[in-house]
Amino acid sequence: MMAVAEQTGNWLAEFTTQKRVDGWLEELRQTAFARFAEVGFPTTHDEEWRFTNVASIARTQFRHVHPSFHVSGGALPAGVRVGTNEDLRAHLAKYAAVDGNPFVALNTAFLDAVAVFRIGRGAVVERPLELVFHAEPGADAAAIHPRVLILAGENSQCAIVEKYTGSGRYFTNAVTEIVAADGAIVDHYKIQQESLEAFHVATLAAQLGRSSNFTSHSISLGGALVRNDVNVVLSEGTEATINGLYIVNGTQHIDNHTSIDHVKPHGTSHELYKGILDDQARAVFNGRIIVRQDAQKTDSKQTNKNLVLSDDAVIDTKPELQIWANDVRCTHGATIGQLDAESLFYLQSRGIGKQQARALLTYAFAQDIVDRIKVPSLRDSLERVLFEKFHEHREK
C-alpha cells in the first residue's frame, strides 16, 4: 500500500489542482481517480504486465498538460460532425472501463477536451478523419491524456486516422473508444511515431454492432516504452480485422495486447501482427481470442510473426484461445525467425551488397502490413518512412 501511495501521490497533486467540471463528468473523473489511487500502476507481478515494467513511468513526476490536437486538412470531412454532450454521456467510458486498466482510469481522471465525432446514419465519408496529436513538452516531463470517442451510425462508412508524434521526454496516455452501429464499416489507423525518449500507453476499445465491419491497423515506430491495448467486442455477423506492425531497435520496448471477444454467433475475425526487432530491443505480443457460449459459427484466425535481426533482441509472444462454444473454427500461431539465408545469398549473387540485401528483405517483411492500408496517402507516407528507416539503420 505504501508503494501505491508513493506512486499516486504525485498524481493526486495534479488531480486536485486541475479545473473542476460540472455534473456527471466531474463524478466520472472522481470515480476514475479513486480507482487509480486504489490500485496504482501495474507491476510485473500482474499477469497482463509481467513482461513490461512501467516503473520508469511510475517514478517520474510528470506535470499534467492538456492534450491538443488538430484535424489534418482543417475542416471536418463531409458526413462527420462534432458530437454533443448527450453523445458523451451516453457512451464515454462505457467501453474502456476505468476498473479494467489503471492507465485508462488515469486518463479518465484527467478528462478535459474529449475529441468526440459522430458519423451520420448512412453517411459515406469519402475523406479520412485524421487526428494529429503532437507533443512538445519543453524542459519539464509532461503527461498528456488524449481521449477520442468515435460514433459511427447505422450503415455508415468512414476511415479514422490517429497520429501521435512529438519531441523530447514525455508521457502519452491515450484512450480511444469506437462504437460501430449495425451495418457500419469503420477503418481505424493508429500511427505512433513519437520521440525515442517518450513513453506511450494507449487503449483502443471498439464495440461493434450487428453485421458491422471493423478494421484496425496499429503501426508503432517510436517511443522508449510503448504499450498498446486493443479490445474489440463483436456482435452477430460482425467481421473484424486487427493488424499491427511494430519496429523497434536500440533499447526500445513495445508491448501489444489484443483481445477479440466474440459474444454473438456468425462472427469472423482475422488478426495479423508482425514485429521487427534489432539491437537490444524487446517486444511483447499477447493476443487473446474469446468465444462466448452463444457465439456459435465463429470463424477466427490469429497470427503473430516476428523477425529478429540481432542476437540481443528479445520477443515474448503468447497467442491465446478461450472457447466456450462448440461449433467454431479458430486457429492461432506465432513464429520467430531471422532473415532467410537463401534469400540473402540470392540477392547478393545479383550484385546487391549485404547490408542493402538485409534492408530489402526487412522492408519486404513489413510491406505485407503496409499494403493492407486502404488510405493511399497514408500508405505512401509509411512506405517512405520504412524505406528510410531500414536503410539508415543498416548503414550505421
Protein backbone atom coordinates (compact mmCIF):
# COMPACT_ATOMS: atom_id res chain seq x y z
CA MET A 1 0.00 0.00 0.00
CA MET A 2 2.88 2.36 0.74
CA ALA A 3 4.27 1.78 -2.75
CA VAL A 4 0.88 2.59 -4.27
CA ALA A 5 0.60 5.75 -2.16
CA GLU A 6 4.05 6.88 -3.23
CA GLN A 7 3.22 6.30 -6.90
CA THR A 8 -0.14 8.05 -6.80
CA GLY A 9 0.86 10.95 -4.55
CA ASN A 10 2.34 12.99 -7.37
CA TRP A 11 -0.76 12.44 -9.46
CA LEU A 12 -3.03 13.44 -6.57
CA ALA A 13 -1.44 16.87 -6.51
CA GLU A 14 -2.01 17.26 -10.26
CA PHE A 15 -5.56 15.95 -9.97
CA THR A 16 -6.64 18.24 -7.15
CA THR A 17 -5.30 21.36 -8.86
CA GLN A 18 -6.98 20.80 -12.22
CA LYS A 19 -10.03 22.87 -13.04
CA ARG A 20 -13.28 21.20 -11.98
CA VAL A 21 -16.06 20.48 -14.45
CA ASP A 22 -19.78 20.30 -13.86
CA GLY A 23 -22.10 17.41 -13.12
CA TRP A 24 -21.67 13.84 -14.25
CA LEU A 25 -18.28 14.38 -15.89
CA GLU A 26 -16.74 15.52 -12.62
CA GLU A 27 -18.26 12.49 -10.90
CA LEU A 28 -16.70 10.27 -13.57
CA ARG A 29 -13.30 11.88 -13.07
CA GLN A 30 -13.55 11.46 -9.29
CA THR A 31 -14.53 7.80 -9.63
CA ALA A 32 -11.69 7.17 -12.05
CA PHE A 33 -9.05 8.75 -9.83
CA ALA A 34 -10.31 6.85 -6.81
CA ARG A 35 -9.84 3.65 -8.78
CA PHE A 36 -6.34 4.64 -9.86
CA ALA A 37 -5.42 5.62 -6.30
CA GLU A 38 -6.65 2.24 -5.10
CA VAL A 39 -4.65 0.04 -7.48
CA GLY A 40 -1.72 2.25 -8.59
CA PHE A 41 0.41 1.39 -11.56
CA PRO A 42 0.67 -2.27 -12.62
CA THR A 43 3.80 -4.24 -11.79
CA THR A 44 5.46 -7.27 -13.30
CA HIS A 45 3.63 -9.35 -10.69
CA ASP A 46 0.44 -8.67 -12.67
CA GLU A 47 -0.03 -11.33 -15.33
CA GLU A 48 -1.05 -8.81 -18.00
CA TRP A 49 2.14 -6.79 -17.36
CA ARG A 50 4.71 -9.40 -16.43
CA PHE A 51 6.98 -8.65 -19.40
CA THR A 52 6.59 -4.86 -19.26
CA ASN A 53 7.98 -2.88 -16.35
CA VAL A 54 6.39 0.58 -16.10
CA ALA A 55 8.45 1.67 -13.08
CA SER A 56 10.10 4.38 -15.20
CA ILE A 57 6.65 5.93 -15.67
CA ALA A 58 5.54 5.42 -12.06
CA ARG A 59 8.66 7.05 -10.60
CA THR A 60 8.66 10.15 -12.80
CA GLN A 61 6.98 13.31 -11.55
CA PHE A 62 5.02 14.35 -14.60
CA ARG A 63 3.08 17.59 -14.87
CA HIS A 64 -0.34 17.34 -16.43
CA VAL A 65 -0.63 19.11 -19.79
CA HIS A 66 -3.94 19.50 -21.59
CA PRO A 67 -3.96 17.42 -24.79
CA SER A 68 -4.10 19.31 -28.04
CA PHE A 69 -4.79 18.00 -31.49
CA HIS A 70 -5.76 19.21 -34.91
CA VAL A 71 -7.73 17.77 -37.76
CA SER A 72 -5.43 17.35 -40.75
CA GLY A 73 -6.90 19.23 -43.67
CA GLY A 74 -8.66 21.76 -41.48
CA ALA A 75 -12.40 21.25 -41.89
CA LEU A 76 -14.16 18.03 -40.92
CA PRO A 77 -14.91 15.66 -43.80
CA ALA A 78 -18.45 15.78 -45.15
CA GLY A 79 -20.68 13.45 -43.12
CA VAL A 80 -18.73 13.93 -39.86
CA ARG A 81 -19.77 16.31 -37.11
CA VAL A 82 -18.59 17.10 -33.61
CA GLY A 83 -20.50 15.05 -31.06
CA THR A 84 -22.76 16.50 -28.39
CA ASN A 85 -22.74 16.36 -24.62
CA GLU A 86 -25.52 13.79 -24.90
CA ASP A 87 -23.19 11.62 -27.01
CA LEU A 88 -20.54 11.87 -24.33
CA ARG A 89 -22.91 10.97 -21.53
CA ALA A 90 -24.32 8.00 -23.43
CA HIS A 91 -21.01 6.46 -24.45
CA LEU A 92 -17.93 7.88 -22.72
CA ALA A 93 -16.10 5.33 -20.53
CA LYS A 94 -18.69 2.64 -21.32
CA TYR A 95 -16.26 0.51 -23.37
CA ALA A 96 -12.85 1.44 -21.96
CA ALA A 97 -13.84 0.92 -18.34
CA VAL A 98 -11.89 2.53 -15.50
CA ASP A 99 -11.86 -0.66 -13.44
CA GLY A 100 -10.17 -2.72 -16.12
CA ASN A 101 -6.88 -0.86 -16.61
CA PRO A 102 -5.17 1.66 -14.29
CA PHE A 103 -3.92 3.69 -17.25
CA VAL A 104 -7.49 4.02 -18.53
CA ALA A 105 -8.52 5.14 -15.03
CA LEU A 106 -5.72 7.73 -15.03
CA ASN A 107 -6.74 9.02 -18.46
CA THR A 108 -10.38 9.30 -17.37
CA ALA A 109 -9.40 11.15 -14.19
CA PHE A 110 -7.87 13.89 -16.33
CA LEU A 111 -10.65 14.13 -18.91
CA ASP A 112 -10.76 17.57 -20.42
CA ALA A 113 -11.12 18.18 -24.14
CA VAL A 114 -12.59 14.93 -25.47
CA ALA A 115 -12.40 14.59 -29.25
CA VAL A 116 -15.88 13.23 -29.98
CA PHE A 117 -17.12 12.77 -33.53
CA ARG A 118 -20.32 11.32 -34.95
CA ILE A 119 -20.73 9.87 -38.43
CA GLY A 120 -24.32 10.19 -39.54
CA ARG A 121 -26.59 7.26 -40.30
CA GLY A 122 -25.97 6.03 -43.85
CA ALA A 123 -23.18 8.58 -44.43
CA VAL A 124 -20.31 7.53 -46.68
CA VAL A 125 -17.33 9.65 -45.65
CA GLU A 126 -15.00 9.93 -48.63
CA ARG A 127 -12.08 11.65 -46.88
CA PRO A 128 -10.44 10.14 -43.76
CA LEU A 129 -10.90 11.92 -40.46
CA GLU A 130 -7.27 12.45 -39.45
CA LEU A 131 -6.47 13.49 -35.86
CA VAL A 132 -2.89 14.58 -35.15
CA PHE A 133 -1.60 14.66 -31.57
CA HIS A 134 1.81 16.34 -31.28
CA ALA A 135 3.72 16.80 -28.01
CA GLU A 136 6.45 19.36 -27.33
CA PRO A 137 6.64 19.36 -23.54
CA GLY A 138 9.65 21.61 -23.04
CA ALA A 139 12.06 21.17 -20.14
CA ASP A 140 9.67 19.50 -17.67
CA ALA A 141 8.35 15.98 -18.05
CA ALA A 142 4.77 16.30 -19.27
CA ALA A 143 1.85 13.89 -19.19
CA ILE A 144 -0.78 14.12 -21.91
CA HIS A 145 -4.05 12.17 -21.75
CA PRO A 146 -5.75 12.27 -25.18
CA ARG A 147 -9.30 10.93 -25.33
CA VAL A 148 -11.18 10.11 -28.54
CA LEU A 149 -14.77 8.92 -28.98
CA ILE A 150 -15.99 7.88 -32.45
CA LEU A 151 -19.67 7.09 -33.06
CA ALA A 152 -20.40 5.56 -36.46
CA GLY A 153 -24.11 5.47 -37.29
CA GLU A 154 -26.02 2.60 -38.88
CA ASN A 155 -24.78 1.65 -42.37
CA SER A 156 -22.21 4.46 -42.36
CA GLN A 157 -18.71 4.17 -43.80
CA CYS A 158 -15.63 6.04 -42.57
CA ALA A 159 -11.88 5.91 -42.04
CA ILE A 160 -10.26 7.31 -38.88
CA VAL A 161 -6.53 8.09 -38.63
CA GLU A 162 -4.84 8.87 -35.32
CA LYS A 163 -1.24 10.11 -35.47
CA TYR A 164 0.99 10.55 -32.43
CA THR A 165 4.26 12.48 -32.80
CA GLY A 166 6.46 14.58 -30.54
CA SER A 167 9.90 15.55 -29.36
CA GLY A 168 11.63 15.29 -26.00
CA ARG A 169 10.70 13.28 -22.91
CA TYR A 170 7.01 12.99 -22.05
CA PHE A 171 4.21 10.52 -21.36
CA THR A 172 1.27 9.98 -23.69
CA ASN A 173 -1.62 8.06 -22.11
CA ALA A 174 -4.30 7.76 -24.81
CA VAL A 175 -7.74 6.16 -24.85
CA THR A 176 -9.95 5.75 -27.92
CA GLU A 177 -13.48 4.35 -27.86
CA ILE A 178 -15.24 3.42 -31.09
CA VAL A 179 -18.88 2.44 -31.45
CA ALA A 180 -19.87 0.97 -34.81
CA ALA A 181 -23.64 0.67 -35.14
CA ASP A 182 -25.37 -2.10 -37.11
CA GLY A 183 -24.04 -2.36 -40.65
CA ALA A 184 -21.35 0.29 -40.19
CA ILE A 185 -17.95 0.00 -41.88
CA VAL A 186 -15.09 1.56 -39.91
CA ASP A 187 -11.39 1.54 -40.82
CA HIS A 188 -9.17 2.74 -37.98
CA TYR A 189 -5.47 3.56 -38.28
CA LYS A 190 -3.12 4.45 -35.46
CA ILE A 191 0.36 5.69 -36.35
CA GLN A 192 2.74 6.09 -33.42
CA GLN A 193 5.98 7.90 -34.32
CA GLU A 194 6.82 9.51 -31.01
CA SER A 195 10.16 10.58 -29.59
CA LEU A 196 12.58 7.84 -28.65
CA GLU A 197 12.60 9.38 -25.16
CA ALA A 198 8.83 9.23 -24.79
CA PHE A 199 6.50 6.80 -23.03
CA HIS A 200 3.33 5.81 -24.84
CA VAL A 201 0.45 3.81 -23.35
CA ALA A 202 -2.78 3.50 -25.32
CA THR A 203 -6.08 1.64 -25.18
CA LEU A 204 -8.45 1.17 -28.11
CA ALA A 205 -11.88 -0.21 -27.22
CA ALA A 206 -14.25 -0.98 -30.10
CA GLN A 207 -17.89 -2.03 -29.67
CA LEU A 208 -19.23 -3.47 -32.91
CA GLY A 209 -22.88 -3.78 -33.89
CA ARG A 210 -24.64 -6.46 -35.90
CA SER A 211 -23.23 -7.08 -39.40
CA SER A 212 -20.70 -4.28 -38.98
CA ASN A 213 -17.19 -4.38 -40.41
CA PHE A 214 -14.24 -3.06 -38.43
CA THR A 215 -10.57 -2.88 -39.39
CA SER A 216 -7.75 -1.74 -37.11
CA HIS A 217 -4.16 -1.03 -38.16
CA SER A 218 -1.65 -0.23 -35.41
CA ILE A 219 1.77 0.97 -36.60
CA SER A 220 4.35 1.53 -33.84
CA LEU A 221 7.71 3.03 -34.78
CA GLY A 222 8.79 5.32 -31.92
CA GLY A 223 8.85 5.55 -28.15
CA ALA A 224 11.19 4.31 -25.44
CA LEU A 225 8.45 2.25 -23.78
CA VAL A 226 5.18 1.55 -25.59
CA ARG A 227 2.09 -0.41 -24.61
CA ASN A 228 -0.89 -0.82 -26.94
CA ASP A 229 -4.11 -2.50 -25.79
CA VAL A 230 -6.69 -3.26 -28.50
CA ASN A 231 -10.01 -4.64 -27.25
CA VAL A 232 -12.76 -5.48 -29.75
CA VAL A 233 -16.22 -6.85 -28.94
CA LEU A 234 -18.11 -8.42 -31.86
CA SER A 235 -21.84 -8.85 -32.29
CA GLU A 236 -23.81 -11.18 -34.59
CA GLY A 237 -22.45 -11.41 -38.12
CA THR A 238 -19.67 -8.93 -37.36
CA GLU A 239 -16.37 -9.01 -39.25
CA ALA A 240 -13.22 -7.63 -37.62
CA THR A 241 -9.67 -7.42 -38.96
CA ILE A 242 -6.93 -6.48 -36.49
CA ASN A 243 -3.49 -5.81 -37.96
CA GLY A 244 -0.33 -4.45 -36.39
CA LEU A 245 3.28 -3.65 -37.22
CA TYR A 246 5.93 -2.81 -34.64
CA ILE A 247 9.54 -1.95 -35.43
CA VAL A 248 11.99 -1.47 -32.57
CA ASN A 249 15.74 -1.11 -32.21
CA GLY A 250 18.24 0.26 -29.74
CA THR A 251 16.76 -0.30 -26.27
CA GLN A 252 13.13 0.29 -27.25
CA HIS A 253 10.42 -1.81 -25.59
CA ILE A 254 6.96 -2.38 -27.06
CA ASP A 255 4.06 -4.44 -25.75
CA ASN A 256 0.95 -5.25 -27.80
CA HIS A 257 -2.01 -6.82 -26.02
CA THR A 258 -5.12 -7.62 -28.07
CA SER A 259 -8.50 -9.08 -27.14
CA ILE A 260 -11.07 -10.15 -29.71
CA ASP A 261 -14.30 -11.05 -27.94
CA HIS A 262 -16.96 -12.95 -29.91
CA VAL A 263 -20.20 -12.66 -27.92
CA LYS A 264 -22.72 -13.48 -30.66
CA PRO A 265 -22.89 -16.11 -33.46
CA HIS A 266 -21.59 -15.89 -37.02
CA GLY A 267 -18.73 -13.54 -36.21
CA THR A 268 -15.48 -13.51 -38.20
CA SER A 269 -12.13 -12.13 -37.08
CA HIS A 270 -8.68 -12.12 -38.62
CA GLU A 271 -5.59 -10.86 -36.84
CA LEU A 272 -2.04 -10.39 -38.12
CA TYR A 273 0.68 -8.69 -36.08
CA LYS A 274 4.25 -8.51 -37.37
CA GLY A 275 7.31 -7.33 -35.49
CA ILE A 276 10.86 -6.41 -36.43
CA LEU A 277 13.46 -6.27 -33.65
CA ASP A 278 17.10 -5.21 -33.73
CA ASP A 279 19.92 -4.31 -31.32
CA GLN A 280 18.83 -4.76 -27.66
CA ALA A 281 15.15 -4.10 -28.30
CA ARG A 282 12.37 -6.09 -26.65
CA ALA A 283 8.80 -6.77 -27.77
CA VAL A 284 5.77 -8.47 -26.26
CA PHE A 285 2.72 -9.80 -28.05
CA ASN A 286 -0.27 -11.23 -26.21
CA GLY A 287 -3.30 -11.94 -28.36
CA ARG A 288 -6.48 -13.34 -26.86
CA ILE A 289 -9.46 -14.68 -28.80
CA ILE A 290 -12.58 -15.22 -26.68
CA VAL A 291 -15.58 -17.17 -27.99
CA ARG A 292 -18.59 -16.97 -25.69
CA GLN A 293 -21.09 -19.80 -25.31
CA ASP A 294 -23.65 -18.13 -27.57
CA ALA A 295 -21.10 -17.33 -30.30
CA GLN A 296 -21.65 -20.42 -32.45
CA LYS A 297 -20.36 -20.47 -36.04
CA THR A 298 -17.43 -18.21 -35.10
CA ASP A 299 -14.51 -18.14 -37.54
CA SER A 300 -11.33 -16.64 -36.11
CA LYS A 301 -7.67 -16.70 -37.08
CA GLN A 302 -4.74 -15.09 -35.28
CA THR A 303 -1.11 -14.90 -36.39
CA ASN A 304 1.95 -13.23 -34.90
CA LYS A 305 5.18 -13.18 -36.92
CA ASN A 306 8.48 -11.75 -35.70
CA LEU A 307 11.75 -11.02 -37.47
CA VAL A 308 14.70 -10.84 -35.08
CA LEU A 309 17.79 -9.19 -36.55
CA SER A 310 20.06 -9.30 -33.50
CA ASP A 311 21.19 -11.92 -31.01
CA ASP A 312 20.41 -9.47 -28.21
CA ALA A 313 16.80 -8.69 -29.20
CA VAL A 314 14.02 -10.49 -27.30
CA ILE A 315 10.39 -11.26 -28.17
CA ASP A 316 7.83 -12.78 -25.82
CA THR A 317 4.74 -13.94 -27.70
CA LYS A 318 1.63 -15.61 -26.32
CA PRO A 319 -1.40 -16.30 -28.53
CA GLU A 320 -4.44 -17.46 -26.55
CA LEU A 321 -7.79 -19.10 -27.29
CA GLN A 322 -10.66 -19.14 -24.78
CA ILE A 323 -13.57 -21.04 -26.32
CA TRP A 324 -16.89 -21.91 -24.68
CA ALA A 325 -18.84 -22.65 -27.89
CA ASN A 326 -18.64 -25.99 -29.68
CA ASP A 327 -19.35 -25.12 -33.32
CA VAL A 328 -16.43 -22.85 -34.18
CA ARG A 329 -13.33 -22.67 -36.34
CA CYS A 330 -10.44 -20.97 -34.56
CA THR A 331 -6.69 -21.06 -35.15
CA HIS A 332 -3.70 -19.22 -33.79
CA GLY A 333 0.06 -19.31 -34.17
CA ALA A 334 3.31 -17.42 -33.67
CA THR A 335 6.67 -17.51 -35.41
CA ILE A 336 10.07 -16.07 -34.53
CA GLY A 337 12.81 -16.12 -37.13
CA GLN A 338 15.73 -14.42 -38.81
CA LEU A 339 16.32 -13.28 -42.36
CA ASP A 340 16.32 -16.16 -44.80
CA ALA A 341 19.89 -17.12 -45.68
CA GLU A 342 18.94 -18.33 -49.17
CA SER A 343 17.18 -15.07 -49.99
CA LEU A 344 20.19 -13.10 -48.77
CA PHE A 345 22.51 -15.23 -50.90
CA TYR A 346 20.26 -14.82 -53.93
CA LEU A 347 20.24 -11.02 -53.69
CA GLN A 348 23.98 -10.88 -53.13
CA SER A 349 24.57 -13.13 -56.11
CA ARG A 350 22.77 -10.50 -58.19
CA GLY A 351 25.26 -7.83 -57.16
CA ILE A 352 23.39 -6.36 -54.20
CA GLY A 353 25.54 -5.60 -51.15
CA LYS A 354 24.92 -7.50 -47.92
CA GLN A 355 23.59 -4.53 -45.94
CA GLN A 356 21.31 -3.45 -48.77
CA ALA A 357 20.05 -7.01 -49.19
CA ARG A 358 19.23 -7.18 -45.48
CA ALA A 359 17.39 -3.87 -45.70
CA LEU A 360 15.37 -5.00 -48.72
CA LEU A 361 14.28 -8.25 -47.09
CA THR A 362 13.36 -6.47 -43.88
CA TYR A 363 11.34 -3.93 -45.83
CA ALA A 364 9.54 -6.73 -47.68
CA PHE A 365 8.59 -8.35 -44.35
CA ALA A 366 6.95 -5.11 -43.20
CA GLN A 367 5.40 -4.33 -46.58
CA ASP A 368 2.80 -7.06 -46.09
CA ILE A 369 1.11 -4.95 -43.40
CA VAL A 370 1.56 -1.62 -45.16
CA ASP A 371 -0.07 -2.97 -48.32
CA ARG A 372 -3.27 -3.61 -46.34
CA ILE A 373 -3.73 0.10 -45.60
CA LYS A 374 -6.57 1.44 -47.74
CA VAL A 375 -5.77 5.17 -47.45
CA PRO A 376 -3.35 5.86 -50.35
CA SER A 377 -1.68 8.94 -48.86
CA LEU A 378 -1.09 7.18 -45.55
CA ARG A 379 0.23 4.07 -47.23
CA ASP A 380 2.63 6.08 -49.40
CA SER A 381 3.99 8.08 -46.46
CA LEU A 382 4.58 4.92 -44.41
CA GLU A 383 6.39 3.29 -47.32
CA ARG A 384 8.79 6.24 -47.44
CA VAL A 385 9.30 6.22 -43.67
CA LEU A 386 10.02 2.49 -43.57
CA PHE A 387 12.35 2.57 -46.56
CA GLU A 388 14.40 5.34 -44.96
CA LYS A 389 14.31 3.69 -41.53
CA PHE A 390 15.64 0.33 -42.68
CA HIS A 391 18.35 1.70 -44.96
CA GLU A 392 19.58 4.33 -42.50
CA HIS A 393 19.69 1.85 -39.62
CA ARG A 394 21.56 -0.81 -41.56
CA GLU A 395 24.15 1.74 -42.66
CA LYS A 396 25.06 2.70 -39.09
